[in-house]
Amino acid sequence: MTNILLTGSSRGIGAAIFSQLAARGAQIVGHGSVPHDAITVGADLADASAPKKLWDEALRRSGGSIDVLINNAGLFEASALDQADNAWLADWDKTLQINLTASAQLSRLAVRHWQERGCAGRIVHIASRAGHRGDSPAHWHYAAAKGGMLAMHKTIARAYAKDNILSFAITPGFTDTAMAGDYLSSRGGPGLLADIPLGRVATPDEIATIATFCALDAPPSLTGATLDANGASYVR
């Protein structure tokens, strides 16, 4: 049985990933900012001490072994460029901590866990199209965090493939989740679809299908790959 730690599992893409992994028989430790059921560990990733506590609890619940880490938890909040300096910096720090630093902390713990055990492992990073093409003027911090996640993912893949520690990244465009809903409305709603050749945004289940493939099925030679899922709105 594959033991998986999935952050941000309580809604949207994370909930869809959880459902698909469970259907495949994986043993999943979920995560949310607060616990809401017996299979979800509550941890506020804005707190720098939280990732280590989350990892330790996930290890305990998994019997001392985790095979796959999925970095899915994220924060998407606007930060006005013309607000007070301290407010803008506070927004920046919070978004970077949740979207990048916490993922780095968990990834480090995972890599060290697999190295110490001499076993294979996989990390799946849910990044964003914004990491390639940037985002709105109110989302510098989000784009920077996702770009950093992609650089981290590539570094992990190159550094540890020799140990059969594999890294995959997924870069969704707009996805039909509560996280993106307010943004879609603020940016014109249906008018945004003109920029998506597919004619619609992605569904959480589509992103979950890719994440499940990376977690359980992707061949080792795919390590280091970034899989775009944006309806051809950004083609590299």
C-alpha atoms as a PDB file:
ATOM      1  CA  MET A   1       0.000   0.000   0.000  1.00  0.00           C
ATOM      2  CA  THR A   2       1.278   3.455  -0.913  1.00  0.00           C
ATOM      3  CA  ASN A   3       1.400   5.971   1.943  1.00  0.00           C
ATOM      4  CA  ILE A   4       0.770   9.540   0.805  1.00  0.00           C
ATOM      5  CA  LEU A   5       0.812  12.926   2.516  1.00  0.00           C
ATOM      6  CA  LEU A   6      -1.462  15.324   0.635  1.00  0.00           C
ATOM      7  CA  THR A   7      -1.558  18.957   1.716  1.00  0.00           C
ATOM      8  CA  GLY A   8      -4.635  21.082   1.121  1.00  0.00           C
ATOM      9  CA  SER A   9      -6.871  18.036   0.803  1.00  0.00           C
ATOM     10  CA  SER A  10     -10.083  19.535   2.161  1.00  0.00           C
ATOM     11  CA  ARG A  11     -11.402  21.270  -0.958  1.00  0.00           C
ATOM     12  CA  GLY A  12     -10.986  21.934  -4.667  1.00  0.00           C
ATOM     13  CA  ILE A  13      -8.112  20.205  -6.411  1.00  0.00           C
ATOM     14  CA  GLY A  14      -6.929  18.636  -3.152  1.00  0.00           C
ATOM     15  CA  ALA A  15     -10.276  16.996  -2.440  1.00  0.00           C
ATOM     16  CA  ALA A  16     -10.400  15.637  -5.988  1.00  0.00           C
ATOM     17  CA  ILE A  17      -6.875  14.228  -5.646  1.00  0.00           C
ATOM     18  CA  PHE A  18      -7.801  12.622  -2.342  1.00  0.00           C
ATOM     19  CA  SER A  19     -10.840  10.942  -3.892  1.00  0.00           C
ATOM     20  CA  GLN A  20      -8.934   9.551  -6.859  1.00  0.00           C
ATOM     21  CA  LEU A  21      -6.035   8.275  -4.757  1.00  0.00           C
ATOM     22  CA  ALA A  22      -8.426   6.622  -2.315  1.00  0.00           C
ATOM     23  CA  ALA A  23     -10.148   4.887  -5.215  1.00  0.00           C
ATOM     24  CA  ARG A  24      -6.759   3.446  -6.166  1.00  0.00           C
ATOM     25  CA  GLY A  25      -6.267   2.034  -2.670  1.00  0.00           C
ATOM     26  CA  ALA A  26      -3.664   4.493  -1.423  1.00  0.00           C
ATOM     27  CA  GLN A  27      -3.367   5.238   2.278  1.00  0.00           C
ATOM     28  CA  ILE A  28      -3.659   9.016   2.511  1.00  0.00           C
ATOM     29  CA  VAL A  29      -2.978  11.455   5.314  1.00  0.00           C
ATOM     30  CA  GLY A  30      -4.875  14.608   4.422  1.00  0.00           C
ATOM     31  CA  HIS A  31      -4.213  18.135   5.603  1.00  0.00           C
ATOM     32  CA  GLY A  32      -6.224  21.280   6.160  1.00  0.00           C
ATOM     33  CA  SER A  33      -5.628  24.564   7.925  1.00  0.00           C
ATOM     34  CA  VAL A  34      -7.842  23.166  10.693  1.00  0.00           C
ATOM     35  CA  PRO A  35      -8.781  19.521  11.312  1.00  0.00           C
ATOM     36  CA  HIS A  36     -12.282  18.652  10.245  1.00  0.00           C
ATOM     37  CA  ASP A  37     -12.337  14.861  10.305  1.00  0.00           C
ATOM     38  CA  ALA A  38     -10.382  11.868  11.543  1.00  0.00           C
ATOM     39  CA  ILE A  39      -8.196  11.596   8.426  1.00  0.00           C
ATOM     40  CA  THR A  40      -7.176  15.246   8.182  1.00  0.00           C
ATOM     41  CA  VAL A  41      -4.293  16.774  10.111  1.00  0.00           C
ATOM     42  CA  GLY A  42      -4.819  20.425  10.982  1.00  0.00           C
ATOM     43  CA  ALA A  43      -1.809  22.658  10.385  1.00  0.00           C
ATOM     44  CA  ASP A  44      -1.617  26.360   9.569  1.00  0.00           C
ATOM     45  CA  LEU A  45       1.211  26.475   7.041  1.00  0.00           C
ATOM     46  CA  ALA A  46       1.571  30.219   7.591  1.00  0.00           C
ATOM     47  CA  ASP A  47       3.319  29.167  10.807  1.00  0.00           C
ATOM     48  CA  ALA A  48       6.917  28.173  10.011  1.00  0.00           C
ATOM     49  CA  SER A  49       6.817  25.458  12.680  1.00  0.00           C
ATOM     50  CA  ALA A  50       3.734  23.776  11.201  1.00  0.00           C
ATOM     51  CA  PRO A  51       5.282  21.766   8.316  1.00  0.00           C
ATOM     52  CA  LYS A  52       7.533  19.766  10.640  1.00  0.00           C
ATOM     53  CA  LYS A  53       4.631  19.044  12.987  1.00  0.00           C
ATOM     54  CA  LEU A  54       2.483  18.002  10.022  1.00  0.00           C
ATOM     55  CA  TRP A  55       5.211  15.706   8.698  1.00  0.00           C
ATOM     56  CA  ASP A  56       5.762  14.058  12.081  1.00  0.00           C
ATOM     57  CA  GLU A  57       2.042  13.439  12.553  1.00  0.00           C
ATOM     58  CA  ALA A  58       1.712  12.074   9.016  1.00  0.00           C
ATOM     59  CA  LEU A  59       4.607   9.698   9.709  1.00  0.00           C
ATOM     60  CA  ARG A  60       2.950   8.552  12.910  1.00  0.00           C
ATOM     61  CA  ARG A  61      -0.345   7.895  11.170  1.00  0.00           C
ATOM     62  CA  SER A  62       1.423   6.082   8.322  1.00  0.00           C
ATOM     63  CA  GLY A  63       3.338   3.703  10.547  1.00  0.00           C
ATOM     64  CA  GLY A  64       6.671   5.466  10.082  1.00  0.00           C
ATOM     65  CA  SER A  65       6.849   5.517   6.294  1.00  0.00           C
ATOM     66  CA  ILE A  66       5.654   7.971   3.635  1.00  0.00           C
ATOM     67  CA  ASP A  67       6.091   7.094  -0.032  1.00  0.00           C
ATOM     68  CA  VAL A  68       4.651  10.168  -1.764  1.00  0.00           C
ATOM     69  CA  LEU A  69       4.358  13.832  -0.845  1.00  0.00           C
ATOM     70  CA  ILE A  70       1.885  15.994  -2.757  1.00  0.00           C
ATOM     71  CA  ASN A  71       2.415  19.720  -2.221  1.00  0.00           C
ATOM     72  CA  ASN A  72      -1.015  21.062  -3.063  1.00  0.00           C
ATOM     73  CA  ALA A  73      -1.882  23.551  -0.300  1.00  0.00           C
ATOM     74  CA  GLY A  74      -1.925  27.129  -1.506  1.00  0.00           C
ATOM     75  CA  LEU A  75      -3.089  30.660  -0.858  1.00  0.00           C
ATOM     76  CA  PHE A  76      -4.408  32.956  -3.604  1.00  0.00           C
ATOM     77  CA  GLU A  77      -5.189  36.396  -2.236  1.00  0.00           C
ATOM     78  CA  ALA A  78      -4.861  39.774  -3.939  1.00  0.00           C
ATOM     79  CA  SER A  79      -2.354  42.306  -2.635  1.00  0.00           C
ATOM     80  CA  ALA A  80      -2.748  45.859  -3.918  1.00  0.00           C
ATOM     81  CA  LEU A  81       0.471  47.422  -5.139  1.00  0.00           C
ATOM     82  CA  ASP A  82      -0.408  50.831  -3.687  1.00  0.00           C
ATOM     83  CA  GLN A  83      -1.222  49.721  -0.154  1.00  0.00           C
ATOM     84  CA  ALA A  84       1.042  50.556   2.798  1.00  0.00           C
ATOM     85  CA  ASP A  85       4.531  49.078   2.615  1.00  0.00           C
ATOM     86  CA  ASN A  86       4.166  46.929   5.729  1.00  0.00           C
ATOM     87  CA  ALA A  87       0.818  45.537   4.549  1.00  0.00           C
ATOM     88  CA  TRP A  88       2.219  44.663   1.117  1.00  0.00           C
ATOM     89  CA  LEU A  89       5.224  42.956   2.689  1.00  0.00           C
ATOM     90  CA  ALA A  90       3.018  41.046   5.126  1.00  0.00           C
ATOM     91  CA  ASP A  91       0.949  39.751   2.200  1.00  0.00           C
ATOM     92  CA  TRP A  92       4.144  38.768   0.378  1.00  0.00           C
ATOM     93  CA  ASP A  93       5.576  36.913   3.372  1.00  0.00           C
ATOM     94  CA  LYS A  94       2.355  35.019   4.083  1.00  0.00           C
ATOM     95  CA  THR A  95       1.879  33.889   0.489  1.00  0.00           C
ATOM     96  CA  LEU A  96       5.520  32.855   0.087  1.00  0.00           C
ATOM     97  CA  GLN A  97       5.437  30.947   3.380  1.00  0.00           C
ATOM     98  CA  ILE A  98       2.309  28.975   2.518  1.00  0.00           C
ATOM     99  CA  ASN A  99       2.868  28.460  -1.216  1.00  0.00           C
ATOM    100  CA  LEU A 100       6.636  27.955  -1.347  1.00  0.00           C
ATOM    101  CA  THR A 101       8.489  27.770   1.955  1.00  0.00           C
ATOM    102  CA  ALA A 102       6.148  25.221   3.544  1.00  0.00           C
ATOM    103  CA  SER A 103       6.422  23.073   0.414  1.00  0.00           C
ATOM    104  CA  ALA A 104      10.209  23.360   0.596  1.00  0.00           C
ATOM    105  CA  GLN A 105      10.196  22.357   4.260  1.00  0.00           C
ATOM    106  CA  LEU A 106       8.052  19.310   3.563  1.00  0.00           C
ATOM    107  CA  SER A 107      10.068  18.371   0.479  1.00  0.00           C
ATOM    108  CA  ARG A 108      13.295  18.535   2.487  1.00  0.00           C
ATOM    109  CA  LEU A 109      11.839  16.315   5.184  1.00  0.00           C
ATOM    110  CA  ALA A 110      10.624  13.855   2.552  1.00  0.00           C
ATOM    111  CA  VAL A 111      13.967  13.675   0.733  1.00  0.00           C
ATOM    112  CA  ARG A 112      15.848  13.134   3.994  1.00  0.00           C
ATOM    113  CA  HIS A 113      13.334  10.472   5.044  1.00  0.00           C
ATOM    114  CA  TRP A 114      13.892   8.517   1.843  1.00  0.00           C
ATOM    115  CA  GLN A 115      17.657   8.962   1.946  1.00  0.00           C
ATOM    116  CA  GLU A 116      17.854   7.711   5.524  1.00  0.00           C
ATOM    117  CA  ARG A 117      15.736   4.687   4.654  1.00  0.00           C
ATOM    118  CA  GLY A 118      17.511   4.074   1.352  1.00  0.00           C
ATOM    119  CA  CYS A 119      14.194   3.873  -0.472  1.00  0.00           C
ATOM    120  CA  ALA A 120      12.453   5.466  -3.425  1.00  0.00           C
ATOM    121  CA  GLY A 121      10.022   8.351  -3.091  1.00  0.00           C
ATOM    122  CA  ARG A 122       7.962  10.776  -5.132  1.00  0.00           C
ATOM    123  CA  ILE A 123       7.021  14.419  -4.768  1.00  0.00           C
ATOM    124  CA  VAL A 124       4.219  15.992  -6.780  1.00  0.00           C
ATOM    125  CA  HIS A 125       4.086  19.797  -6.763  1.00  0.00           C
ATOM    126  CA  ILE A 126       0.849  21.545  -7.715  1.00  0.00           C
ATOM    127  CA  ALA A 127       2.282  24.759  -9.137  1.00  0.00           C
ATOM    128  CA  SER A 128       0.563  27.114 -11.584  1.00  0.00           C
ATOM    129  CA  ARG A 129       0.647  28.564 -15.056  1.00  0.00           C
ATOM    130  CA  ALA A 130       1.526  31.783 -13.218  1.00  0.00           C
ATOM    131  CA  GLY A 131       4.940  30.303 -12.494  1.00  0.00           C
ATOM    132  CA  HIS A 132       5.646  30.492 -16.240  1.00  0.00           C
ATOM    133  CA  ARG A 133       3.808  33.564 -17.477  1.00  0.00           C
ATOM    134  CA  GLY A 134       3.217  35.650 -14.353  1.00  0.00           C
ATOM    135  CA  ASP A 135      -0.104  36.832 -12.964  1.00  0.00           C
ATOM    136  CA  SER A 136      -2.088  40.000 -12.330  1.00  0.00           C
ATOM    137  CA  PRO A 137      -0.580  43.173 -10.796  1.00  0.00           C
ATOM    138  CA  ALA A 138      -2.167  42.178  -7.488  1.00  0.00           C
ATOM    139  CA  HIS A 139      -0.545  38.740  -7.496  1.00  0.00           C
ATOM    140  CA  TRP A 140       3.213  39.291  -7.707  1.00  0.00           C
ATOM    141  CA  HIS A 141       3.626  37.125  -4.622  1.00  0.00           C
ATOM    142  CA  TYR A 142       1.606  34.221  -6.023  1.00  0.00           C
ATOM    143  CA  ALA A 143       3.481  34.134  -9.322  1.00  0.00           C
ATOM    144  CA  ALA A 144       6.834  34.377  -7.564  1.00  0.00           C
ATOM    145  CA  ALA A 145       5.959  31.535  -5.212  1.00  0.00           C
ATOM    146  CA  LYS A 146       4.864  29.243  -8.031  1.00  0.00           C
ATOM    147  CA  GLY A 147       7.924  30.123 -10.102  1.00  0.00           C
ATOM    148  CA  GLY A 148      10.042  29.255  -7.081  1.00  0.00           C
ATOM    149  CA  MET A 149       8.208  25.970  -6.691  1.00  0.00           C
ATOM    150  CA  LEU A 150       9.055  25.045 -10.279  1.00  0.00           C
ATOM    151  CA  ALA A 151      12.736  25.860  -9.753  1.00  0.00           C
ATOM    152  CA  MET A 152      12.749  23.813  -6.554  1.00  0.00           C
ATOM    153  CA  HIS A 153      11.065  20.894  -8.329  1.00  0.00           C
ATOM    154  CA  LYS A 154      13.690  20.858 -11.079  1.00  0.00           C
ATOM    155  CA  THR A 155      16.497  21.003  -8.529  1.00  0.00           C
ATOM    156  CA  ILE A 156      15.078  18.073  -6.570  1.00  0.00           C
ATOM    157  CA  ALA A 157      14.641  16.029  -9.739  1.00  0.00           C
ATOM    158  CA  ARG A 158      18.209  16.638 -10.915  1.00  0.00           C
ATOM    159  CA  ALA A 159      19.802  16.153  -7.511  1.00  0.00           C
ATOM    160  CA  TYR A 160      18.143  12.943  -6.356  1.00  0.00           C
ATOM    161  CA  ALA A 161      17.137  10.924  -9.411  1.00  0.00           C
ATOM    162  CA  LYS A 162      20.179   8.752  -8.745  1.00  0.00           C
ATOM    163  CA  ASP A 163      18.492   7.746  -5.479  1.00  0.00           C
ATOM    164  CA  ASN A 164      15.175   7.026  -7.234  1.00  0.00           C
ATOM    165  CA  ILE A 165      13.673  10.087  -5.550  1.00  0.00           C
ATOM    166  CA  LEU A 166      11.446  11.552  -8.235  1.00  0.00           C
ATOM    167  CA  SER A 167       9.839  14.956  -8.655  1.00  0.00           C
ATOM    168  CA  PHE A 168       6.927  16.006 -10.857  1.00  0.00           C
ATOM    169  CA  ALA A 169       5.171  19.350 -11.233  1.00  0.00           C
ATOM    170  CA  ILE A 170       1.736  20.261 -12.557  1.00  0.00           C
ATOM    171  CA  THR A 171       0.922  23.771 -13.744  1.00  0.00           C
ATOM    172  CA  PRO A 172      -2.833  24.319 -13.975  1.00  0.00           C
ATOM    173  CA  GLY A 173      -4.279  27.434 -15.522  1.00  0.00           C
ATOM    174  CA  PHE A 174      -7.642  28.599 -14.261  1.00  0.00           C
ATOM    175  CA  THR A 175      -9.439  25.769 -12.499  1.00  0.00           C
ATOM    176  CA  ASP A 176     -13.046  25.668 -11.381  1.00  0.00           C
ATOM    177  CA  THR A 177     -12.435  25.897  -7.627  1.00  0.00           C
ATOM    178  CA  ALA A 178     -13.539  28.214  -4.858  1.00  0.00           C
ATOM    179  CA  MET A 179      -9.938  29.480  -4.722  1.00  0.00           C
ATOM    180  CA  ALA A 180     -10.120  30.881  -8.250  1.00  0.00           C
ATOM    181  CA  GLY A 181     -13.777  31.875  -8.323  1.00  0.00           C
ATOM    182  CA  ASP A 182     -13.439  35.402  -6.963  1.00  0.00           C
ATOM    183  CA  TYR A 183     -10.482  36.051  -9.219  1.00  0.00           C
ATOM    184  CA  LEU A 184     -12.335  34.884 -12.297  1.00  0.00           C
ATOM    185  CA  SER A 185     -15.221  37.201 -11.453  1.00  0.00           C
ATOM    186  CA  SER A 186     -12.927  40.152 -10.797  1.00  0.00           C
ATOM    187  CA  ARG A 187     -11.166  39.656 -14.130  1.00  0.00           C
ATOM    188  CA  GLY A 188     -14.296  39.578 -16.220  1.00  0.00           C
ATOM    189  CA  GLY A 189     -15.567  36.047 -15.703  1.00  0.00           C
ATOM    190  CA  PRO A 190     -16.621  34.614 -19.080  1.00  0.00           C
ATOM    191  CA  GLY A 191     -14.440  37.169 -20.869  1.00  0.00           C
ATOM    192  CA  LEU A 192     -11.387  35.273 -19.670  1.00  0.00           C
ATOM    193  CA  LEU A 193     -12.435  32.262 -21.722  1.00  0.00           C
ATOM    194  CA  ALA A 194     -11.421  34.133 -24.873  1.00  0.00           C
ATOM    195  CA  ASP A 195      -7.821  33.526 -23.804  1.00  0.00           C
ATOM    196  CA  ILE A 196      -8.354  29.770 -23.453  1.00  0.00           C
ATOM    197  CA  PRO A 197      -8.462  27.934 -26.791  1.00  0.00           C
ATOM    198  CA  LEU A 198     -10.185  24.974 -25.155  1.00  0.00           C
ATOM    199  CA  GLY A 199     -13.068  27.313 -24.327  1.00  0.00           C
ATOM    200  CA  ARG A 200     -13.348  26.439 -20.648  1.00  0.00           C
ATOM    201  CA  VAL A 201     -11.316  26.279 -17.458  1.00  0.00           C
ATOM    202  CA  ALA A 202      -9.994  22.990 -16.087  1.00  0.00           C
ATOM    203  CA  THR A 203     -11.947  20.911 -13.602  1.00  0.00           C
ATOM    204  CA  PRO A 204     -10.455  19.727 -10.301  1.00  0.00           C
ATOM    205  CA  ASP A 205     -10.878  16.129 -11.469  1.00  0.00           C
ATOM    206  CA  GLU A 206      -8.705  16.803 -14.518  1.00  0.00           C
ATOM    207  CA  ILE A 207      -5.864  18.098 -12.372  1.00  0.00           C
ATOM    208  CA  ALA A 208      -6.389  15.230  -9.934  1.00  0.00           C
ATOM    209  CA  THR A 209      -6.053  12.698 -12.747  1.00  0.00           C
ATOM    210  CA  ILE A 210      -2.636  14.115 -13.620  1.00  0.00           C
ATOM    211  CA  ALA A 211      -1.566  14.224  -9.968  1.00  0.00           C
ATOM    212  CA  THR A 212      -2.668  10.630  -9.388  1.00  0.00           C
ATOM    213  CA  PHE A 213      -0.712   9.538 -12.463  1.00  0.00           C
ATOM    214  CA  CYS A 214       2.413  11.286 -11.184  1.00  0.00           C
ATOM    215  CA  ALA A 215       2.005   9.885  -7.677  1.00  0.00           C
ATOM    216  CA  LEU A 216       1.367   6.272  -8.661  1.00  0.00           C
ATOM    217  CA  ASP A 217       2.017   5.533 -12.317  1.00  0.00           C
ATOM    218  CA  ALA A 218       4.459   7.908 -13.986  1.00  0.00           C
ATOM    219  CA  PRO A 219       7.612   6.172 -15.233  1.00  0.00           C
ATOM    220  CA  PRO A 220      10.832   7.232 -13.506  1.00  0.00           C
ATOM    221  CA  SER A 221      12.132   8.792 -16.717  1.00  0.00           C
ATOM    222  CA  LEU A 222       9.447  11.466 -16.399  1.00  0.00           C
ATOM    223  CA  THR A 223      11.111  12.899 -13.295  1.00  0.00           C
ATOM    224  CA  GLY A 224      11.791  16.603 -13.685  1.00  0.00           C
ATOM    225  CA  ALA A 225       8.835  17.104 -16.016  1.00  0.00           C
ATOM    226  CA  THR A 226       6.335  19.915 -15.672  1.00  0.00           C
ATOM    227  CA  LEU A 227       2.901  18.990 -16.981  1.00  0.00           C
ATOM    228  CA  ASP A 228       0.803  21.937 -18.196  1.00  0.00           C
ATOM    229  CA  ALA A 229      -2.975  21.843 -17.859  1.00  0.00           C
ATOM    230  CA  ASN A 230      -4.258  25.198 -19.065  1.00  0.00           C
ATOM    231  CA  GLY A 231      -6.387  24.537 -22.147  1.00  0.00           C
ATOM    232  CA  ALA A 232      -3.554  25.816 -24.397  1.00  0.00           C
ATOM    233  CA  SER A 233      -3.773  29.302 -22.883  1.00  0.00           C
ATOM    234  CA  TYR A 234      -0.028  29.164 -22.372  1.00  0.00           C
ATOM    235  CA  VAL A 235       2.004  26.870 -24.607  1.00  0.00           C
ATOM    236  CA  ARG A 236       5.730  26.459 -23.977  1.00  0.00           C
END
